[in-house]
N, C-alpha and C. Protein backbone atom coordinates (compact mmCIF):
# COMPACT_ATOMS: atom_id res chain seq x y z
N MET A 1 -5.06 45.08 -45.52
CA MET A 1 -6.12 44.55 -44.71
C MET A 1 -5.97 43.16 -44.60
N LYS A 2 -6.07 42.66 -43.23
CA LYS A 2 -6.01 40.98 -43.33
C LYS A 2 -7.25 40.33 -43.78
N SER A 3 -6.88 39.29 -44.19
CA SER A 3 -7.96 38.30 -44.53
C SER A 3 -8.86 37.85 -43.34
N LEU A 4 -10.10 37.42 -43.77
CA LEU A 4 -10.98 36.97 -42.69
C LEU A 4 -10.50 35.68 -42.10
N ASN A 5 -9.83 34.86 -42.82
CA ASN A 5 -9.03 33.47 -42.27
C ASN A 5 -8.10 34.18 -41.27
N SER A 6 -7.38 35.08 -41.49
CA SER A 6 -6.20 35.40 -40.47
C SER A 6 -6.76 36.28 -39.25
N GLN A 7 -7.82 36.85 -39.51
CA GLN A 7 -8.72 37.36 -38.38
C GLN A 7 -9.02 36.22 -37.60
N ALA A 8 -9.67 35.34 -38.19
CA ALA A 8 -10.29 34.23 -37.46
C ALA A 8 -9.29 33.54 -36.71
N GLU A 9 -8.09 33.24 -37.14
CA GLU A 9 -6.91 32.74 -36.64
C GLU A 9 -6.61 33.50 -35.38
N ILE A 10 -6.29 34.70 -35.56
CA ILE A 10 -5.87 35.79 -34.41
C ILE A 10 -7.02 35.57 -33.38
N LEU A 11 -8.35 35.53 -33.60
CA LEU A 11 -9.29 35.37 -32.54
C LEU A 11 -9.31 33.93 -31.96
N LYS A 12 -9.20 33.07 -32.67
CA LYS A 12 -8.89 31.53 -32.12
C LYS A 12 -7.75 31.79 -30.96
N SER A 13 -6.76 32.18 -31.37
CA SER A 13 -5.52 32.28 -30.51
C SER A 13 -5.94 33.22 -29.08
N ARG A 14 -6.42 34.32 -29.47
CA ARG A 14 -6.91 35.16 -28.32
C ARG A 14 -7.76 34.58 -27.48
N SER A 15 -8.79 34.07 -27.87
CA SER A 15 -9.80 33.20 -27.09
C SER A 15 -9.29 32.16 -26.29
N LYS A 16 -8.20 31.24 -27.05
CA LYS A 16 -7.64 30.24 -26.33
C LYS A 16 -6.53 30.66 -25.22
N GLN A 17 -5.86 31.75 -25.38
CA GLN A 17 -4.95 32.52 -24.57
C GLN A 17 -5.83 32.99 -23.37
N PHE A 18 -7.08 33.32 -23.68
CA PHE A 18 -7.97 34.10 -22.54
C PHE A 18 -8.22 32.90 -21.85
N SER A 19 -8.60 31.78 -22.10
CA SER A 19 -9.21 30.43 -21.55
C SER A 19 -7.93 30.02 -20.59
N ILE A 20 -6.80 29.98 -21.14
CA ILE A 20 -5.70 29.68 -20.36
C ILE A 20 -5.46 30.65 -19.15
N ARG A 21 -5.63 31.75 -19.23
CA ARG A 21 -5.27 32.89 -18.29
C ARG A 21 -6.27 32.51 -17.15
N VAL A 22 -7.45 32.19 -17.45
CA VAL A 22 -8.49 31.88 -16.54
C VAL A 22 -8.39 30.53 -15.97
N VAL A 23 -7.91 29.63 -16.66
CA VAL A 23 -7.47 28.22 -15.96
C VAL A 23 -6.51 28.55 -14.83
N LYS A 24 -5.53 29.28 -15.13
CA LYS A 24 -4.33 29.63 -14.20
C LYS A 24 -5.06 30.45 -12.99
N LEU A 25 -5.77 31.35 -13.27
CA LEU A 25 -6.47 32.30 -12.09
C LEU A 25 -7.32 31.42 -11.37
N PHE A 26 -8.09 30.32 -12.06
CA PHE A 26 -8.85 29.38 -11.25
C PHE A 26 -7.90 28.79 -10.03
N ARG A 27 -6.80 28.23 -10.56
CA ARG A 27 -5.80 27.57 -9.83
C ARG A 27 -5.47 28.19 -8.53
N SER A 28 -5.48 29.64 -8.83
CA SER A 28 -4.98 30.36 -7.82
C SER A 28 -5.99 30.86 -6.87
N LEU A 29 -7.27 30.70 -6.94
CA LEU A 29 -8.40 31.06 -6.01
C LEU A 29 -8.31 30.56 -4.57
N PRO A 30 -8.76 31.47 -3.70
CA PRO A 30 -8.90 30.78 -2.46
C PRO A 30 -9.64 29.46 -2.25
N LYS A 31 -9.51 28.90 -1.39
CA LYS A 31 -10.23 27.47 -1.17
C LYS A 31 -11.39 27.48 -0.58
N SER A 32 -12.09 28.79 -0.48
CA SER A 32 -13.51 29.08 0.04
C SER A 32 -14.46 28.46 -0.85
N ASP A 33 -15.72 28.04 -0.22
CA ASP A 33 -16.66 27.59 -1.16
C ASP A 33 -17.07 28.57 -2.13
N GLU A 34 -17.28 29.81 -1.62
CA GLU A 34 -17.99 30.72 -2.67
C GLU A 34 -16.70 31.12 -3.73
N ALA A 35 -15.58 31.11 -3.39
CA ALA A 35 -14.51 31.42 -4.53
C ALA A 35 -14.45 30.09 -5.49
N ARG A 36 -14.92 28.96 -5.01
CA ARG A 36 -14.65 27.68 -5.85
C ARG A 36 -16.05 27.44 -6.70
N ILE A 37 -16.82 28.06 -6.05
CA ILE A 37 -18.27 27.96 -6.86
C ILE A 37 -18.19 28.93 -8.08
N ILE A 38 -17.87 30.32 -7.76
CA ILE A 38 -17.89 31.39 -8.69
C ILE A 38 -16.64 31.00 -9.65
N GLY A 39 -15.65 30.48 -9.07
CA GLY A 39 -14.42 30.02 -10.02
C GLY A 39 -14.85 28.88 -11.04
N ARG A 40 -15.65 28.10 -10.55
CA ARG A 40 -16.01 26.91 -11.64
C ARG A 40 -17.02 27.43 -12.54
N GLN A 41 -17.85 28.38 -12.03
CA GLN A 41 -18.77 28.73 -13.40
C GLN A 41 -17.79 29.63 -14.24
N LEU A 42 -16.85 30.75 -13.81
CA LEU A 42 -15.88 31.12 -14.61
C LEU A 42 -15.23 30.41 -15.33
N LEU A 43 -14.55 29.21 -15.11
CA LEU A 43 -13.86 28.34 -15.81
C LEU A 43 -14.57 28.07 -16.70
N ARG A 44 -16.03 27.47 -16.45
CA ARG A 44 -16.67 26.88 -17.55
C ARG A 44 -17.01 27.79 -18.75
N SER A 45 -17.55 28.89 -18.28
CA SER A 45 -17.74 29.99 -19.47
C SER A 45 -16.67 30.46 -20.08
N ALA A 46 -15.52 30.72 -19.58
CA ALA A 46 -14.25 31.07 -20.17
C ALA A 46 -13.80 30.09 -21.27
N THR A 47 -13.66 29.06 -20.91
CA THR A 47 -13.24 27.90 -21.86
C THR A 47 -14.20 27.68 -22.87
N SER A 48 -15.46 27.95 -22.73
CA SER A 48 -16.55 27.75 -23.65
C SER A 48 -16.38 28.71 -24.72
N VAL A 49 -15.93 30.10 -24.35
CA VAL A 49 -15.79 30.97 -25.44
C VAL A 49 -14.76 30.47 -26.58
N ALA A 50 -13.69 29.98 -26.09
CA ALA A 50 -12.63 29.43 -26.95
C ALA A 50 -13.20 28.41 -28.01
N ALA A 51 -13.88 27.37 -27.11
CA ALA A 51 -14.23 26.18 -27.87
C ALA A 51 -15.55 26.53 -28.77
N ASN A 52 -16.24 27.32 -28.40
CA ASN A 52 -17.57 27.80 -29.30
C ASN A 52 -17.08 28.61 -30.33
N TYR A 53 -16.00 29.51 -30.16
CA TYR A 53 -15.55 30.26 -31.30
C TYR A 53 -14.82 29.36 -32.31
N ARG A 54 -14.21 28.35 -32.11
CA ARG A 54 -13.65 27.29 -32.89
C ARG A 54 -14.73 26.79 -33.74
N SER A 55 -15.89 26.73 -33.15
CA SER A 55 -17.17 26.11 -33.71
C SER A 55 -17.81 27.07 -34.79
N VAL A 56 -17.86 28.23 -34.49
CA VAL A 56 -18.20 29.50 -35.32
C VAL A 56 -17.39 29.40 -36.63
N CYS A 57 -16.07 29.18 -36.36
CA CYS A 57 -15.24 29.14 -37.71
C CYS A 57 -15.39 27.96 -38.59
N ARG A 58 -16.44 26.98 -38.46
CA ARG A 58 -16.57 25.93 -39.08
C ARG A 58 -18.04 26.04 -39.69
N ALA A 59 -18.69 27.05 -39.13
CA ALA A 59 -20.28 27.12 -39.60
C ALA A 59 -20.26 26.97 -41.07
N ARG A 60 -21.25 26.17 -41.52
CA ARG A 60 -21.64 26.08 -42.92
C ARG A 60 -22.59 26.96 -43.41
N SER A 61 -23.23 27.85 -42.86
CA SER A 61 -24.11 28.78 -43.47
C SER A 61 -24.18 29.97 -42.59
N LYS A 62 -24.79 31.09 -43.11
CA LYS A 62 -24.79 32.17 -42.40
C LYS A 62 -25.70 32.17 -41.26
N ALA A 63 -26.68 31.45 -41.41
CA ALA A 63 -27.71 30.98 -40.38
C ALA A 63 -26.87 30.45 -38.98
N GLU A 64 -26.14 29.46 -39.51
CA GLU A 64 -25.51 28.77 -38.44
C GLU A 64 -24.33 29.58 -37.72
N PHE A 65 -23.75 30.51 -38.50
CA PHE A 65 -22.70 31.37 -38.01
C PHE A 65 -23.30 32.37 -37.10
N ILE A 66 -24.50 32.90 -37.36
CA ILE A 66 -25.11 33.88 -36.28
C ILE A 66 -25.50 33.07 -35.04
N SER A 67 -26.12 31.99 -35.17
CA SER A 67 -26.45 31.01 -34.14
C SER A 67 -25.24 30.78 -33.16
N LYS A 68 -24.09 30.18 -33.68
CA LYS A 68 -23.04 29.90 -32.94
C LYS A 68 -22.36 31.14 -32.37
N ILE A 69 -22.14 32.24 -33.28
CA ILE A 69 -21.58 33.44 -32.59
C ILE A 69 -22.29 34.13 -31.47
N GLY A 70 -23.63 33.72 -31.62
CA GLY A 70 -24.63 34.36 -30.48
C GLY A 70 -24.06 33.45 -29.23
N ILE A 71 -23.85 32.46 -29.05
CA ILE A 71 -23.39 31.57 -27.89
C ILE A 71 -22.02 32.17 -27.60
N VAL A 72 -21.16 32.22 -28.46
CA VAL A 72 -19.97 32.92 -27.97
C VAL A 72 -20.08 34.39 -27.22
N VAL A 73 -21.02 35.21 -27.67
CA VAL A 73 -21.23 36.31 -27.22
C VAL A 73 -21.92 36.25 -25.76
N GLU A 74 -22.71 35.18 -25.51
CA GLU A 74 -23.18 34.94 -24.35
C GLU A 74 -22.45 34.38 -23.39
N GLU A 75 -21.52 33.66 -23.85
CA GLU A 75 -20.49 32.93 -22.83
C GLU A 75 -19.40 34.10 -22.38
N ILE A 76 -19.02 34.95 -23.32
CA ILE A 76 -17.93 35.98 -22.72
C ILE A 76 -18.75 36.88 -21.84
N ASP A 77 -19.80 37.19 -22.21
CA ASP A 77 -20.52 38.11 -21.32
C ASP A 77 -20.92 37.70 -19.97
N GLU A 78 -21.00 36.37 -19.77
CA GLU A 78 -21.31 35.47 -18.58
C GLU A 78 -20.08 35.42 -17.91
N THR A 79 -18.77 35.35 -18.64
CA THR A 79 -17.42 35.26 -18.05
C THR A 79 -17.09 36.53 -17.56
N ILE A 80 -17.47 37.64 -18.06
CA ILE A 80 -17.41 39.11 -17.59
C ILE A 80 -18.09 39.09 -16.19
N LEU A 81 -19.25 38.65 -16.17
CA LEU A 81 -20.06 38.55 -14.75
C LEU A 81 -19.32 37.94 -13.54
N TRP A 82 -18.74 36.83 -13.91
CA TRP A 82 -18.06 35.89 -12.86
C TRP A 82 -16.74 36.61 -12.63
N LEU A 83 -16.16 37.36 -13.52
CA LEU A 83 -14.83 38.09 -13.10
C LEU A 83 -15.33 39.32 -12.34
N GLU A 84 -16.37 40.23 -12.41
CA GLU A 84 -16.79 41.16 -11.67
C GLU A 84 -17.17 40.66 -10.17
N LEU A 85 -17.97 39.58 -10.12
CA LEU A 85 -18.47 38.94 -8.82
C LEU A 85 -17.12 38.48 -8.02
N LEU A 86 -16.01 38.08 -8.67
CA LEU A 86 -14.86 37.83 -7.78
C LEU A 86 -14.31 39.14 -7.02
N VAL A 87 -14.47 40.28 -7.68
CA VAL A 87 -14.00 41.48 -7.37
C VAL A 87 -14.96 42.06 -6.39
N GLU A 88 -16.13 42.09 -6.71
CA GLU A 88 -17.30 42.87 -5.95
C GLU A 88 -17.51 41.88 -4.64
N CYS A 89 -17.29 40.64 -4.56
CA CYS A 89 -17.43 39.73 -3.38
C CYS A 89 -16.23 39.71 -2.63
N GLU A 90 -15.17 40.44 -3.09
CA GLU A 90 -13.95 40.74 -2.46
C GLU A 90 -13.10 39.46 -2.15
N ILE A 91 -13.29 38.59 -3.26
CA ILE A 91 -12.44 37.26 -3.53
C ILE A 91 -11.14 37.61 -4.06
N ILE A 92 -11.17 38.53 -5.07
CA ILE A 92 -9.65 38.97 -5.73
C ILE A 92 -9.69 40.25 -5.82
N GLN A 93 -8.70 41.21 -5.47
CA GLN A 93 -8.67 42.51 -5.65
C GLN A 93 -8.70 42.77 -7.19
N GLU A 94 -9.32 44.08 -7.45
CA GLU A 94 -9.79 44.51 -8.73
C GLU A 94 -8.33 44.58 -9.58
N LYS A 95 -7.50 45.22 -8.99
CA LYS A 95 -6.08 45.44 -9.59
C LYS A 95 -5.54 44.36 -10.62
N ARG A 96 -5.77 42.92 -9.77
CA ARG A 96 -5.30 41.75 -10.14
C ARG A 96 -6.09 41.28 -11.57
N LEU A 97 -7.32 41.54 -11.43
CA LEU A 97 -8.04 41.29 -12.71
C LEU A 97 -8.26 42.29 -13.85
N GLU A 98 -7.71 43.47 -13.73
CA GLU A 98 -7.74 44.49 -14.66
C GLU A 98 -7.50 43.90 -16.07
N ASP A 99 -6.43 43.61 -16.27
CA ASP A 99 -5.89 42.99 -17.57
C ASP A 99 -7.10 42.01 -18.31
N LEU A 100 -7.17 41.08 -17.43
CA LEU A 100 -8.20 39.95 -17.86
C LEU A 100 -9.60 40.42 -18.23
N LEU A 101 -10.11 41.46 -17.52
CA LEU A 101 -11.35 42.00 -17.84
C LEU A 101 -11.28 42.98 -18.87
N LYS A 102 -10.01 43.62 -19.14
CA LYS A 102 -10.13 44.65 -20.38
C LYS A 102 -10.09 43.42 -21.42
N GLU A 103 -9.26 42.30 -21.43
CA GLU A 103 -9.36 41.54 -22.64
C GLU A 103 -10.79 40.88 -22.78
N ALA A 104 -11.56 40.47 -21.76
CA ALA A 104 -12.67 40.22 -21.79
C ALA A 104 -13.79 41.05 -22.51
N ASN A 105 -13.65 42.20 -22.10
CA ASN A 105 -14.44 43.24 -22.72
C ASN A 105 -14.16 43.55 -24.10
N GLU A 106 -12.87 43.37 -24.52
CA GLU A 106 -12.42 43.67 -25.97
C GLU A 106 -13.04 42.48 -26.63
N LEU A 107 -12.87 41.09 -26.30
CA LEU A 107 -13.50 40.24 -26.86
C LEU A 107 -14.84 40.00 -27.13
N LEU A 108 -15.55 40.68 -25.97
CA LEU A 108 -17.05 40.77 -26.20
C LEU A 108 -17.49 41.99 -27.28
N ALA A 109 -16.49 42.84 -27.39
CA ALA A 109 -17.17 44.02 -28.25
C ALA A 109 -16.64 43.37 -29.68
N ILE A 110 -15.62 42.70 -30.06
CA ILE A 110 -15.42 42.16 -31.18
C ILE A 110 -16.43 41.06 -31.64
N PHE A 111 -16.77 39.96 -30.88
CA PHE A 111 -17.67 39.09 -31.19
C PHE A 111 -19.21 39.65 -31.08
N ALA A 112 -19.50 40.52 -30.46
CA ALA A 112 -20.62 41.34 -30.70
C ALA A 112 -20.89 42.09 -31.89
N SER A 113 -20.02 42.78 -32.32
CA SER A 113 -19.86 43.38 -33.58
C SER A 113 -19.98 42.44 -34.75
N SER A 114 -19.20 41.18 -34.62
CA SER A 114 -19.43 40.30 -35.54
C SER A 114 -20.85 39.64 -35.86
N GLN A 115 -21.29 39.66 -34.57
CA GLN A 115 -22.86 39.02 -34.53
C GLN A 115 -23.57 40.13 -35.30
N TYR A 116 -23.33 41.34 -34.97
CA TYR A 116 -24.15 42.40 -35.52
C TYR A 116 -24.15 42.35 -36.86
N THR A 117 -23.05 42.52 -37.38
CA THR A 117 -22.67 42.61 -38.86
C THR A 117 -23.09 41.26 -39.56
N ALA A 118 -23.22 40.14 -39.26
CA ALA A 118 -23.70 38.98 -39.72
C ALA A 118 -25.38 39.05 -39.81
N LYS A 119 -25.89 39.60 -38.71
CA LYS A 119 -27.45 39.77 -38.79
C LYS A 119 -27.83 40.75 -39.66
N PHE A 120 -27.24 42.04 -39.65
CA PHE A 120 -27.80 43.16 -40.25
C PHE A 120 -26.77 43.76 -41.41
N GLY A 121 -25.68 43.16 -41.72
CA GLY A 121 -24.66 43.71 -42.58
C GLY A 121 -24.09 45.07 -42.21
N ARG A 122 -23.17 45.43 -42.97
CA ARG A 122 -22.45 46.66 -42.52
C ARG A 122 -23.62 47.94 -42.73
N GLN A 123 -23.30 48.77 -41.55
CA GLN A 123 -24.20 50.04 -41.48
C GLN A 123 -23.51 51.17 -41.84
């Protein structure tokens, strides 16, 4: 079993790589107003996931951890919304975002599980 520190490092890397992928996606968006508005929201929330997860790893107490991981869960969930809107508004084809959406949903599941475990313990 991997140590918690090792798992945290893996999640730091995954969330950072996810952010980088979103930055590259943003650069490739059409120059329309709606694409740029949604794109900026996506860029903000996706990069916030990585930044806030790093903050989670520096939490000084259980309460602080729970509070900070809650922010990460909110940001990744918001990121999923913006990705879905890009598809549903026909700005980007769904096929192009499949892998990114898959990673976003996996990160959401991991962070939400961590939040639940921190709040309520293992069930």
